[in-house]
Amino acid sequence: MENETLRFSPKQRQVLTWWQTGCWQALICDGAVRSGKTFCMGLSFFLWAQHDFNGRQFALCGKTVGALRRNLLTELVPCLRRIGMEVRENRSANTLTVVYAGHRNQFLLFGGKDASSAALIQGSTLAGLLLDETALMPRAFVEQAVARCSVRGSRLWFNCNPEGSEHWFYKEWIEKAESRGALRLHFTMEDKSGAAAGDPAAV
């Protein structure tokens, strides 16, 4: 694992670098499972946060905190450490503290399993937000989480697979991506072609 070289497809590389242009306020990745979108979104999110901010709070959200750890953090945290980030996890508080390039930031972990979960994130002041499996979360939770991103320069990251064109997230975000200042990238299985078998980029 220590000598593993990460390789990314062109679309995965676009996920890793989209925030460098300053053209978009949000990223939406949808499409095939195991196409690499979850891992490269997570990696890009931490690189962006540590590059652009110091002393700020961010949020990582999943259907549950346990699902978030399984789907994203189990593979991602070891990779962050291999590239030089100091990652400290407080499991009881559901937080990560990350130090990299002289910047220290805190990442709060939230589960959005039902409408009442919106109260968990209420009151937070965030510089950025990543929602994993957004379409599985209640609209009230997603909208509350988005509303907490009030720091100048904050950005939104959505990983999702809406079930059909009538899903609220599809109608309100995917169909309106351009007007919302969001870059939408649709993934197929071909988009993991840059990752070798066993490479985290294939996750």
N, C-alpha and C. Protein backbone atom coordinates (compact mmCIF):
# COMPACT_ATOMS: atom_id res chain seq x y z
N MET A 1 0.81 -1.21 0.00
CA MET A 1 0.00 0.00 0.00
C MET A 1 0.85 1.27 0.00
N GLU A 2 1.97 1.25 0.75
CA GLU A 2 2.78 2.46 0.85
C GLU A 2 3.38 2.85 -0.48
N ASN A 3 3.67 1.88 -1.34
CA ASN A 3 4.30 2.17 -2.61
C ASN A 3 3.29 2.27 -3.74
N GLU A 4 2.00 2.20 -3.40
CA GLU A 4 0.95 2.25 -4.39
C GLU A 4 0.93 3.63 -5.06
N THR A 5 0.83 3.63 -6.38
CA THR A 5 0.75 4.87 -7.12
C THR A 5 -0.68 5.08 -7.58
N LEU A 6 -1.26 6.19 -7.21
CA LEU A 6 -2.61 6.49 -7.63
C LEU A 6 -2.61 6.94 -9.08
N ARG A 7 -3.53 6.37 -9.85
CA ARG A 7 -3.69 6.76 -11.24
C ARG A 7 -5.15 7.11 -11.47
N PHE A 8 -5.39 8.17 -12.23
CA PHE A 8 -6.74 8.66 -12.39
C PHE A 8 -7.09 8.82 -13.87
N SER A 9 -8.37 8.57 -14.17
CA SER A 9 -8.88 8.77 -15.53
C SER A 9 -9.05 10.27 -15.77
N PRO A 10 -9.27 10.69 -17.02
CA PRO A 10 -9.45 12.11 -17.30
C PRO A 10 -10.58 12.75 -16.49
N LYS A 11 -11.71 12.06 -16.33
CA LYS A 11 -12.82 12.65 -15.58
C LYS A 11 -12.49 12.72 -14.10
N GLN A 12 -11.80 11.72 -13.58
CA GLN A 12 -11.37 11.76 -12.19
C GLN A 12 -10.41 12.92 -11.96
N ARG A 13 -9.52 13.16 -12.92
CA ARG A 13 -8.60 14.30 -12.79
C ARG A 13 -9.35 15.62 -12.83
N GLN A 14 -10.45 15.67 -13.57
CA GLN A 14 -11.27 16.88 -13.59
C GLN A 14 -11.87 17.13 -12.21
N VAL A 15 -12.30 16.07 -11.53
CA VAL A 15 -12.81 16.19 -10.17
C VAL A 15 -11.72 16.73 -9.24
N LEU A 16 -10.52 16.27 -9.43
CA LEU A 16 -9.41 16.65 -8.55
C LEU A 16 -9.00 18.11 -8.72
N THR A 17 -9.32 18.71 -9.85
CA THR A 17 -8.80 20.05 -10.16
C THR A 17 -9.87 21.11 -10.41
N TRP A 18 -11.15 20.75 -10.39
CA TRP A 18 -12.20 21.71 -10.79
C TRP A 18 -12.17 23.00 -9.97
N TRP A 19 -11.81 22.89 -8.69
CA TRP A 19 -11.85 24.05 -7.80
C TRP A 19 -10.73 25.05 -8.07
N GLN A 20 -9.74 24.66 -8.87
CA GLN A 20 -8.62 25.56 -9.15
C GLN A 20 -8.98 26.66 -10.14
N THR A 21 -10.07 26.48 -10.90
CA THR A 21 -10.43 27.45 -11.93
C THR A 21 -11.19 28.65 -11.38
N GLY A 22 -11.92 28.46 -10.29
CA GLY A 22 -12.72 29.55 -9.74
C GLY A 22 -14.01 29.81 -10.50
N CYS A 23 -14.36 28.92 -11.43
CA CYS A 23 -15.55 29.13 -12.25
C CYS A 23 -16.83 28.60 -11.61
N TRP A 24 -16.71 27.66 -10.69
CA TRP A 24 -17.87 26.95 -10.15
C TRP A 24 -17.93 27.04 -8.63
N GLN A 25 -19.15 27.04 -8.10
CA GLN A 25 -19.36 27.06 -6.66
C GLN A 25 -19.71 25.69 -6.10
N ALA A 26 -20.02 24.76 -6.98
CA ALA A 26 -20.41 23.43 -6.53
C ALA A 26 -20.02 22.39 -7.57
N LEU A 27 -19.87 21.16 -7.10
CA LEU A 27 -19.58 20.02 -7.97
C LEU A 27 -20.62 18.95 -7.71
N ILE A 28 -21.20 18.42 -8.79
CA ILE A 28 -22.16 17.31 -8.70
C ILE A 28 -21.60 16.15 -9.51
N CYS A 29 -21.37 15.02 -8.84
CA CYS A 29 -20.93 13.81 -9.53
C CYS A 29 -22.00 12.74 -9.36
N ASP A 30 -22.51 12.25 -10.47
CA ASP A 30 -23.51 11.18 -10.42
C ASP A 30 -23.14 10.12 -11.45
N GLY A 31 -23.84 8.99 -11.37
CA GLY A 31 -23.59 7.93 -12.35
C GLY A 31 -23.20 6.62 -11.72
N ALA A 32 -22.44 5.84 -12.47
CA ALA A 32 -22.16 4.45 -12.13
C ALA A 32 -21.44 4.31 -10.78
N VAL A 33 -21.85 3.28 -10.04
CA VAL A 33 -21.13 2.94 -8.81
C VAL A 33 -19.79 2.32 -9.18
N ARG A 34 -18.83 2.40 -8.28
CA ARG A 34 -17.48 1.89 -8.47
C ARG A 34 -16.82 2.46 -9.74
N SER A 35 -17.14 3.70 -10.04
CA SER A 35 -16.51 4.37 -11.18
C SER A 35 -15.40 5.30 -10.73
N GLY A 36 -15.15 5.35 -9.42
CA GLY A 36 -14.06 6.16 -8.89
C GLY A 36 -14.47 7.53 -8.39
N LYS A 37 -15.76 7.88 -8.54
CA LYS A 37 -16.16 9.25 -8.20
C LYS A 37 -16.08 9.54 -6.71
N THR A 38 -16.42 8.56 -5.86
CA THR A 38 -16.44 8.80 -4.42
C THR A 38 -15.05 9.10 -3.89
N PHE A 39 -14.08 8.25 -4.24
CA PHE A 39 -12.72 8.43 -3.73
C PHE A 39 -12.10 9.72 -4.22
N CYS A 40 -12.20 9.99 -5.53
CA CYS A 40 -11.53 11.19 -6.04
C CYS A 40 -12.22 12.46 -5.56
N MET A 41 -13.54 12.41 -5.32
CA MET A 41 -14.21 13.56 -4.74
C MET A 41 -13.69 13.84 -3.33
N GLY A 42 -13.56 12.77 -2.53
CA GLY A 42 -13.07 12.94 -1.17
C GLY A 42 -11.66 13.48 -1.14
N LEU A 43 -10.79 12.93 -1.97
CA LEU A 43 -9.41 13.39 -2.03
C LEU A 43 -9.35 14.86 -2.44
N SER A 44 -10.11 15.21 -3.46
CA SER A 44 -10.12 16.59 -3.94
C SER A 44 -10.66 17.55 -2.88
N PHE A 45 -11.68 17.11 -2.16
CA PHE A 45 -12.28 17.95 -1.11
C PHE A 45 -11.25 18.32 -0.04
N PHE A 46 -10.48 17.34 0.41
CA PHE A 46 -9.48 17.62 1.44
C PHE A 46 -8.34 18.46 0.89
N LEU A 47 -7.90 18.19 -0.33
CA LEU A 47 -6.84 18.99 -0.93
C LEU A 47 -7.27 20.46 -1.05
N TRP A 48 -8.50 20.66 -1.51
CA TRP A 48 -9.03 22.02 -1.64
C TRP A 48 -9.12 22.72 -0.28
N ALA A 49 -9.71 22.03 0.70
CA ALA A 49 -9.89 22.62 2.03
C ALA A 49 -8.56 23.03 2.65
N GLN A 50 -7.57 22.14 2.54
CA GLN A 50 -6.28 22.44 3.16
C GLN A 50 -5.49 23.48 2.38
N HIS A 51 -5.75 23.60 1.11
CA HIS A 51 -5.07 24.60 0.29
C HIS A 51 -5.65 25.99 0.51
N ASP A 52 -6.98 26.09 0.60
CA ASP A 52 -7.65 27.39 0.60
C ASP A 52 -7.97 27.95 1.98
N PHE A 53 -7.95 27.11 3.02
CA PHE A 53 -8.42 27.57 4.32
C PHE A 53 -7.49 27.14 5.45
N ASN A 54 -7.57 27.89 6.54
CA ASN A 54 -6.86 27.55 7.77
C ASN A 54 -7.74 27.94 8.95
N GLY A 55 -7.90 27.02 9.90
CA GLY A 55 -8.70 27.31 11.07
C GLY A 55 -10.19 27.31 10.84
N ARG A 56 -10.66 26.57 9.84
CA ARG A 56 -12.08 26.55 9.50
C ARG A 56 -12.70 25.17 9.76
N GLN A 57 -14.02 25.14 9.74
CA GLN A 57 -14.77 23.90 9.87
C GLN A 57 -15.41 23.51 8.54
N PHE A 58 -15.43 22.22 8.29
CA PHE A 58 -16.06 21.65 7.11
C PHE A 58 -16.96 20.50 7.56
N ALA A 59 -17.85 20.06 6.69
CA ALA A 59 -18.72 18.94 7.03
C ALA A 59 -18.64 17.86 5.96
N LEU A 60 -18.62 16.62 6.43
CA LEU A 60 -18.75 15.44 5.58
C LEU A 60 -20.04 14.74 6.01
N CYS A 61 -20.93 14.51 5.08
CA CYS A 61 -22.23 13.95 5.42
C CYS A 61 -22.53 12.70 4.61
N GLY A 62 -23.12 11.71 5.29
CA GLY A 62 -23.57 10.50 4.64
C GLY A 62 -24.95 10.15 5.16
N LYS A 63 -25.52 9.07 4.66
CA LYS A 63 -26.82 8.62 5.16
C LYS A 63 -26.73 8.39 6.67
N THR A 64 -25.65 7.76 7.11
CA THR A 64 -25.30 7.66 8.52
C THR A 64 -23.80 7.90 8.64
N VAL A 65 -23.32 8.18 9.83
CA VAL A 65 -21.88 8.37 10.03
C VAL A 65 -21.16 7.06 9.73
N GLY A 66 -21.77 5.93 10.12
CA GLY A 66 -21.15 4.63 9.83
C GLY A 66 -21.01 4.39 8.35
N ALA A 67 -22.04 4.73 7.58
CA ALA A 67 -21.97 4.58 6.12
C ALA A 67 -20.91 5.50 5.53
N LEU A 68 -20.80 6.70 6.07
CA LEU A 68 -19.79 7.64 5.58
C LEU A 68 -18.39 7.08 5.80
N ARG A 69 -18.16 6.49 6.96
CA ARG A 69 -16.85 5.89 7.24
C ARG A 69 -16.58 4.73 6.29
N ARG A 70 -17.58 3.87 6.07
CA ARG A 70 -17.38 2.70 5.19
C ARG A 70 -17.18 3.12 3.75
N ASN A 71 -18.02 4.01 3.26
CA ASN A 71 -18.02 4.36 1.84
C ASN A 71 -16.88 5.28 1.43
N LEU A 72 -16.41 6.10 2.37
CA LEU A 72 -15.42 7.12 2.00
C LEU A 72 -14.16 7.08 2.84
N LEU A 73 -14.29 7.17 4.15
CA LEU A 73 -13.13 7.43 5.00
C LEU A 73 -12.21 6.23 5.17
N THR A 74 -12.74 5.02 5.12
CA THR A 74 -11.89 3.83 5.30
C THR A 74 -10.75 3.80 4.29
N GLU A 75 -11.04 4.11 3.04
CA GLU A 75 -10.01 4.14 1.99
C GLU A 75 -9.29 5.48 1.93
N LEU A 76 -10.02 6.55 2.21
CA LEU A 76 -9.46 7.88 1.98
C LEU A 76 -8.46 8.30 3.03
N VAL A 77 -8.75 8.07 4.31
CA VAL A 77 -7.86 8.56 5.37
C VAL A 77 -6.44 8.00 5.24
N PRO A 78 -6.25 6.68 5.00
CA PRO A 78 -4.88 6.19 4.79
C PRO A 78 -4.18 6.88 3.63
N CYS A 79 -4.93 7.19 2.57
CA CYS A 79 -4.34 7.89 1.42
C CYS A 79 -3.91 9.30 1.80
N LEU A 80 -4.75 10.00 2.56
CA LEU A 80 -4.40 11.35 3.00
C LEU A 80 -3.11 11.33 3.81
N ARG A 81 -2.97 10.33 4.65
CA ARG A 81 -1.75 10.23 5.46
C ARG A 81 -0.54 9.92 4.60
N ARG A 82 -0.73 9.11 3.56
CA ARG A 82 0.41 8.77 2.70
C ARG A 82 0.92 9.97 1.93
N ILE A 83 0.03 10.90 1.62
CA ILE A 83 0.50 12.08 0.87
C ILE A 83 0.97 13.20 1.79
N GLY A 84 1.00 12.94 3.10
CA GLY A 84 1.61 13.88 4.02
C GLY A 84 0.68 14.62 4.95
N MET A 85 -0.61 14.32 4.90
CA MET A 85 -1.53 14.99 5.81
C MET A 85 -1.53 14.31 7.17
N GLU A 86 -1.56 15.11 8.21
CA GLU A 86 -1.73 14.59 9.56
C GLU A 86 -3.23 14.56 9.86
N VAL A 87 -3.77 13.37 10.05
CA VAL A 87 -5.21 13.21 10.25
C VAL A 87 -5.44 12.60 11.64
N ARG A 88 -6.14 13.34 12.49
CA ARG A 88 -6.48 12.85 13.82
C ARG A 88 -8.00 12.69 13.91
N GLU A 89 -8.44 11.49 14.25
CA GLU A 89 -9.88 11.22 14.33
C GLU A 89 -10.33 11.10 15.78
N ASN A 90 -11.40 11.80 16.10
CA ASN A 90 -12.06 11.67 17.39
C ASN A 90 -13.39 10.99 17.13
N ARG A 91 -13.44 9.67 17.29
CA ARG A 91 -14.62 8.91 16.92
C ARG A 91 -15.81 9.24 17.81
N SER A 92 -15.57 9.53 19.08
CA SER A 92 -16.69 9.84 19.97
C SER A 92 -17.34 11.18 19.61
N ALA A 93 -16.54 12.12 19.11
CA ALA A 93 -17.07 13.42 18.73
C ALA A 93 -17.43 13.49 17.24
N ASN A 94 -17.10 12.42 16.49
CA ASN A 94 -17.33 12.39 15.04
C ASN A 94 -16.67 13.57 14.34
N THR A 95 -15.36 13.73 14.59
CA THR A 95 -14.61 14.80 13.96
C THR A 95 -13.26 14.27 13.45
N LEU A 96 -12.74 14.97 12.45
CA LEU A 96 -11.37 14.78 11.98
C LEU A 96 -10.67 16.13 12.06
N THR A 97 -9.46 16.13 12.58
CA THR A 97 -8.61 17.32 12.53
C THR A 97 -7.48 17.02 11.57
N VAL A 98 -7.31 17.89 10.59
CA VAL A 98 -6.32 17.65 9.53
C VAL A 98 -5.32 18.81 9.50
N VAL A 99 -4.04 18.46 9.48
CA VAL A 99 -2.97 19.45 9.36
C VAL A 99 -2.17 19.13 8.11
N TYR A 100 -2.00 20.15 7.27
CA TYR A 100 -1.27 19.94 6.02
C TYR A 100 -0.81 21.30 5.49
N ALA A 101 0.45 21.38 5.10
CA ALA A 101 1.01 22.61 4.52
C ALA A 101 0.81 23.81 5.45
N GLY A 102 0.91 23.57 6.76
CA GLY A 102 0.77 24.64 7.72
C GLY A 102 -0.65 25.04 8.04
N HIS A 103 -1.64 24.38 7.46
CA HIS A 103 -3.04 24.69 7.69
C HIS A 103 -3.69 23.60 8.54
N ARG A 104 -4.45 24.01 9.52
CA ARG A 104 -5.18 23.08 10.39
C ARG A 104 -6.68 23.36 10.28
N ASN A 105 -7.45 22.36 9.93
CA ASN A 105 -8.89 22.49 9.80
C ASN A 105 -9.60 21.32 10.47
N GLN A 106 -10.85 21.53 10.79
CA GLN A 106 -11.65 20.48 11.43
C GLN A 106 -12.79 20.06 10.51
N PHE A 107 -13.01 18.76 10.45
CA PHE A 107 -14.05 18.19 9.60
C PHE A 107 -15.06 17.46 10.48
N LEU A 108 -16.31 17.90 10.42
CA LEU A 108 -17.38 17.33 11.22
C LEU A 108 -18.10 16.27 10.42
N LEU A 109 -18.41 15.14 11.04
CA LEU A 109 -19.09 14.04 10.37
C LEU A 109 -20.55 14.02 10.80
N PHE A 110 -21.45 13.98 9.81
CA PHE A 110 -22.89 13.98 10.09
C PHE A 110 -23.59 12.87 9.33
N GLY A 111 -24.66 12.34 9.94
CA GLY A 111 -25.54 11.41 9.27
C GLY A 111 -26.87 12.09 8.99
N GLY A 112 -27.36 11.94 7.76
CA GLY A 112 -28.63 12.57 7.39
C GLY A 112 -29.68 11.52 7.09
N LYS A 113 -30.04 10.72 8.08
CA LYS A 113 -30.94 9.59 7.83
C LYS A 113 -32.41 9.98 7.79
N ASP A 114 -32.79 11.09 8.41
CA ASP A 114 -34.19 11.52 8.37
C ASP A 114 -34.27 13.03 8.55
N ALA A 115 -35.49 13.56 8.45
CA ALA A 115 -35.66 15.01 8.48
C ALA A 115 -35.17 15.62 9.79
N SER A 116 -35.30 14.88 10.90
CA SER A 116 -34.87 15.41 12.20
C SER A 116 -33.36 15.59 12.27
N SER A 117 -32.61 14.94 11.36
CA SER A 117 -31.15 15.06 11.35
C SER A 117 -30.69 16.48 11.03
N ALA A 118 -31.57 17.28 10.43
CA ALA A 118 -31.20 18.65 10.10
C ALA A 118 -30.81 19.44 11.33
N ALA A 119 -31.38 19.07 12.48
CA ALA A 119 -31.06 19.77 13.72
C ALA A 119 -29.62 19.55 14.15
N LEU A 120 -29.02 18.43 13.71
CA LEU A 120 -27.66 18.12 14.10
C LEU A 120 -26.65 19.10 13.53
N ILE A 121 -26.92 19.53 12.32
CA ILE A 121 -25.96 20.40 11.63
C ILE A 121 -26.31 21.88 11.80
N GLN A 122 -27.52 22.15 12.30
CA GLN A 122 -27.95 23.53 12.50
C GLN A 122 -27.03 24.24 13.49
N GLY A 123 -26.65 25.44 13.17
CA GLY A 123 -25.78 26.21 14.04
C GLY A 123 -24.31 26.15 13.66
N SER A 124 -23.93 25.19 12.81
CA SER A 124 -22.55 25.10 12.36
C SER A 124 -22.25 26.20 11.33
N THR A 125 -21.03 26.69 11.35
CA THR A 125 -20.57 27.63 10.34
C THR A 125 -19.48 26.93 9.53
N LEU A 126 -19.77 26.69 8.26
CA LEU A 126 -18.90 25.83 7.45
C LEU A 126 -18.26 26.58 6.29
N ALA A 127 -17.05 26.14 5.95
CA ALA A 127 -16.36 26.66 4.78
C ALA A 127 -16.53 25.74 3.58
N GLY A 128 -17.10 24.58 3.80
CA GLY A 128 -17.31 23.65 2.70
C GLY A 128 -18.08 22.43 3.17
N LEU A 129 -18.66 21.72 2.22
CA LEU A 129 -19.56 20.62 2.53
C LEU A 129 -19.43 19.54 1.46
N LEU A 130 -19.27 18.30 1.89
CA LEU A 130 -19.32 17.16 0.98
C LEU A 130 -20.43 16.23 1.43
N LEU A 131 -21.37 15.96 0.53
CA LEU A 131 -22.46 15.04 0.82
C LEU A 131 -22.29 13.79 -0.02
N ASP A 132 -22.13 12.65 0.65
CA ASP A 132 -21.97 11.36 -0.03
C ASP A 132 -23.33 10.68 -0.10
N GLU A 133 -23.71 10.23 -1.29
CA GLU A 133 -25.04 9.63 -1.50
C GLU A 133 -26.14 10.63 -1.14
N THR A 134 -26.04 11.80 -1.73
CA THR A 134 -26.98 12.89 -1.43
C THR A 134 -28.43 12.49 -1.61
N ALA A 135 -28.72 11.71 -2.64
CA ALA A 135 -30.11 11.37 -2.95
C ALA A 135 -30.77 10.52 -1.89
N LEU A 136 -29.99 9.92 -0.99
CA LEU A 136 -30.56 9.10 0.08
C LEU A 136 -30.91 9.93 1.31
N MET A 137 -30.55 11.21 1.31
CA MET A 137 -30.79 12.07 2.46
C MET A 137 -32.05 12.90 2.26
N PRO A 138 -32.76 13.21 3.34
CA PRO A 138 -33.96 14.06 3.23
C PRO A 138 -33.59 15.45 2.72
N ARG A 139 -34.50 16.01 1.97
CA ARG A 139 -34.28 17.35 1.43
C ARG A 139 -34.00 18.37 2.53
N ALA A 140 -34.73 18.26 3.66
CA ALA A 140 -34.56 19.22 4.76
C ALA A 140 -33.14 19.20 5.30
N PHE A 141 -32.55 18.00 5.38
CA PHE A 141 -31.17 17.90 5.87
C PHE A 141 -30.20 18.52 4.88
N VAL A 142 -30.35 18.18 3.60
CA VAL A 142 -29.44 18.70 2.58
C VAL A 142 -29.51 20.22 2.53
N GLU A 143 -30.71 20.77 2.55
CA GLU A 143 -30.85 22.23 2.46
C GLU A 143 -30.32 22.93 3.70
N GLN A 144 -30.48 22.33 4.86
CA GLN A 144 -29.92 22.91 6.08
C GLN A 144 -28.39 22.88 6.03
N ALA A 145 -27.84 21.77 5.53
CA ALA A 145 -26.39 21.66 5.43
C ALA A 145 -25.82 22.70 4.46
N VAL A 146 -26.47 22.86 3.33
CA VAL A 146 -26.04 23.85 2.34
C VAL A 146 -26.09 25.26 2.94
N ALA A 147 -27.13 25.53 3.70
CA ALA A 147 -27.30 26.86 4.29
C ALA A 147 -26.21 27.20 5.30
N ARG A 148 -25.56 26.18 5.86
CA ARG A 148 -24.51 26.42 6.86
C ARG A 148 -23.20 26.88 6.22
N CYS A 149 -23.07 26.77 4.90
CA CYS A 149 -21.83 27.15 4.22
C CYS A 149 -21.85 28.64 3.94
N SER A 150 -21.49 29.40 4.95
CA SER A 150 -21.58 30.86 4.87
C SER A 150 -20.23 31.56 4.84
N VAL A 151 -19.16 30.78 4.91
CA VAL A 151 -17.82 31.37 4.88
C VAL A 151 -17.49 31.78 3.44
N ARG A 152 -16.88 32.93 3.28
CA ARG A 152 -16.51 33.40 1.94
C ARG A 152 -15.59 32.38 1.27
N GLY A 153 -15.92 32.02 0.05
CA GLY A 153 -15.13 31.04 -0.70
C GLY A 153 -15.57 29.61 -0.50
N SER A 154 -16.65 29.41 0.27
CA SER A 154 -17.12 28.04 0.52
C SER A 154 -17.64 27.41 -0.77
N ARG A 155 -17.56 26.07 -0.80
CA ARG A 155 -18.04 25.33 -1.98
C ARG A 155 -18.76 24.06 -1.54
N LEU A 156 -19.58 23.55 -2.46
CA LEU A 156 -20.41 22.39 -2.19
C LEU A 156 -20.01 21.23 -3.09
N TRP A 157 -20.04 20.03 -2.51
CA TRP A 157 -19.64 18.83 -3.24
C TRP A 157 -20.74 17.77 -3.06
N PHE A 158 -21.36 17.36 -4.15
CA PHE A 158 -22.45 16.39 -4.10
C PHE A 158 -22.08 15.12 -4.87
N ASN A 159 -22.14 14.00 -4.18
CA ASN A 159 -22.00 12.69 -4.81
C ASN A 159 -23.37 12.04 -4.72
N CYS A 160 -23.94 11.64 -5.85
CA CYS A 160 -25.33 11.18 -5.80
C CYS A 160 -25.68 10.26 -6.96
N ASN A 161 -26.78 9.53 -6.77
CA ASN A 161 -27.39 8.70 -7.80
C ASN A 161 -28.91 8.77 -7.64
N PRO A 162 -29.53 9.87 -8.06
CA PRO A 162 -30.98 10.00 -7.91
C PRO A 162 -31.72 8.89 -8.67
N GLU A 163 -32.80 8.39 -8.06
CA GLU A 163 -33.61 7.35 -8.70
C GLU A 163 -34.65 8.01 -9.60
N GLY A 164 -34.24 8.34 -10.80
CA GLY A 164 -35.16 8.91 -11.77
C GLY A 164 -35.19 10.43 -11.79
N SER A 165 -35.77 10.96 -12.84
CA SER A 165 -35.77 12.40 -13.07
C SER A 165 -36.77 13.15 -12.20
N GLU A 166 -37.61 12.43 -11.45
CA GLU A 166 -38.57 13.09 -10.57
C GLU A 166 -38.02 13.30 -9.16
N HIS A 167 -36.85 12.77 -8.88
CA HIS A 167 -36.26 12.97 -7.55
C HIS A 167 -35.98 14.45 -7.34
N TRP A 168 -36.22 14.94 -6.13
CA TRP A 168 -36.08 16.38 -5.89
C TRP A 168 -34.67 16.89 -6.19
N PHE A 169 -33.64 16.10 -5.88
CA PHE A 169 -32.29 16.59 -6.12
C PHE A 169 -32.01 16.68 -7.62
N TYR A 170 -32.54 15.72 -8.36
CA TYR A 170 -32.38 15.78 -9.82
C TYR A 170 -33.02 17.05 -10.37
N LYS A 171 -34.24 17.35 -9.92
CA LYS A 171 -34.95 18.50 -10.45
C LYS A 171 -34.35 19.82 -9.99
N GLU A 172 -33.92 19.87 -8.73
CA GLU A 172 -33.48 21.14 -8.16
C GLU A 172 -31.98 21.43 -8.35
N TRP A 173 -31.19 20.39 -8.54
CA TRP A 173 -29.74 20.60 -8.67
C TRP A 173 -29.18 20.13 -10.01
N ILE A 174 -29.46 18.91 -10.41
CA ILE A 174 -28.88 18.40 -11.65
C ILE A 174 -29.43 19.14 -12.86
N GLU A 175 -30.75 19.31 -12.92
CA GLU A 175 -31.34 20.02 -14.05
C GLU A 175 -31.00 21.51 -14.04
N LYS A 176 -30.73 22.05 -12.86
CA LYS A 176 -30.45 23.48 -12.74
C LYS A 176 -28.98 23.75 -12.42
N ALA A 177 -28.12 22.79 -12.75
CA ALA A 177 -26.71 22.89 -12.36
C ALA A 177 -26.08 24.20 -12.83
N GLU A 178 -26.27 24.55 -14.07
CA GLU A 178 -25.60 25.74 -14.61
C GLU A 178 -26.07 27.00 -13.90
N SER A 179 -27.37 27.13 -13.69
CA SER A 179 -27.89 28.34 -13.03
C SER A 179 -27.47 28.41 -11.57
N ARG A 180 -27.16 27.27 -10.96
CA ARG A 180 -26.71 27.23 -9.57
C ARG A 180 -25.19 27.36 -9.46
N GLY A 181 -24.53 27.51 -10.57
CA GLY A 181 -23.07 27.62 -10.55
C GLY A 181 -22.40 26.31 -10.23
N ALA A 182 -23.02 25.21 -10.64
CA ALA A 182 -22.50 23.87 -10.33
C ALA A 182 -21.99 23.17 -11.58
N LEU A 183 -20.87 22.52 -11.44
CA LEU A 183 -20.32 21.67 -12.49
C LEU A 183 -20.85 20.26 -12.29
N ARG A 184 -21.55 19.72 -13.27
CA ARG A 184 -22.06 18.35 -13.17
C ARG A 184 -21.21 17.43 -14.03
N LEU A 185 -20.73 16.35 -13.40
CA LEU A 185 -19.95 15.34 -14.11
C LEU A 185 -20.66 14.00 -13.96
N HIS A 186 -21.05 13.41 -15.06
CA HIS A 186 -21.74 12.11 -15.05
C HIS A 186 -20.72 11.02 -15.32
N PHE A 187 -20.64 10.04 -14.41
CA PHE A 187 -19.64 8.99 -14.49
C PHE A 187 -20.22 7.71 -15.09
N THR A 188 -19.40 7.04 -15.91
CA THR A 188 -19.69 5.70 -16.40
C THR A 188 -18.55 4.79 -15.94
N MET A 189 -18.69 3.49 -16.16
CA MET A 189 -17.63 2.56 -15.76
C MET A 189 -16.33 2.83 -16.51
N GLU A 190 -16.41 3.44 -17.68
CA GLU A 190 -15.20 3.78 -18.43
C GLU A 190 -14.36 4.82 -17.71
N ASP A 191 -14.97 5.57 -16.81
CA ASP A 191 -14.25 6.65 -16.12
C ASP A 191 -13.36 6.16 -15.00
N LYS A 192 -13.35 4.87 -14.74
CA LYS A 192 -12.38 4.35 -13.76
C LYS A 192 -11.20 3.69 -14.47
N SER A 193 -11.10 3.87 -15.78
CA SER A 193 -10.06 3.19 -16.55
C SER A 193 -8.66 3.61 -16.18
N GLY A 194 -8.52 4.76 -15.53
CA GLY A 194 -7.19 5.20 -15.14
C GLY A 194 -6.68 4.54 -13.89
N ALA A 195 -7.54 3.76 -13.19
CA ALA A 195 -7.15 3.16 -11.93
C ALA A 195 -6.83 1.69 -12.11
N ALA A 196 -5.72 1.28 -11.54
CA ALA A 196 -5.33 -0.12 -11.60
C ALA A 196 -6.18 -0.93 -10.64
N ALA A 197 -6.26 -2.22 -10.88
CA ALA A 197 -7.01 -3.09 -9.96
C ALA A 197 -6.39 -3.01 -8.56
N GLY A 198 -7.25 -2.84 -7.57
CA GLY A 198 -6.76 -2.71 -6.22
C GLY A 198 -6.37 -1.30 -5.84
N ASP A 199 -6.41 -0.39 -6.79
CA ASP A 199 -6.08 1.02 -6.54
C ASP A 199 -7.28 1.69 -5.88
N PRO A 200 -7.08 2.52 -4.85
CA PRO A 200 -8.20 3.23 -4.25
C PRO A 200 -8.97 4.09 -5.23
N ALA A 201 -8.36 4.48 -6.33
CA ALA A 201 -9.06 5.31 -7.30
C ALA A 201 -10.20 4.55 -7.96
N ALA A 202 -10.22 3.23 -7.81
CA ALA A 202 -11.29 2.43 -8.38
C ALA A 202 -12.45 2.29 -7.41
N VAL A 203 -12.33 2.85 -6.22
CA VAL A 203 -13.38 2.69 -5.21
C VAL A 203 -14.61 3.49 -5.59
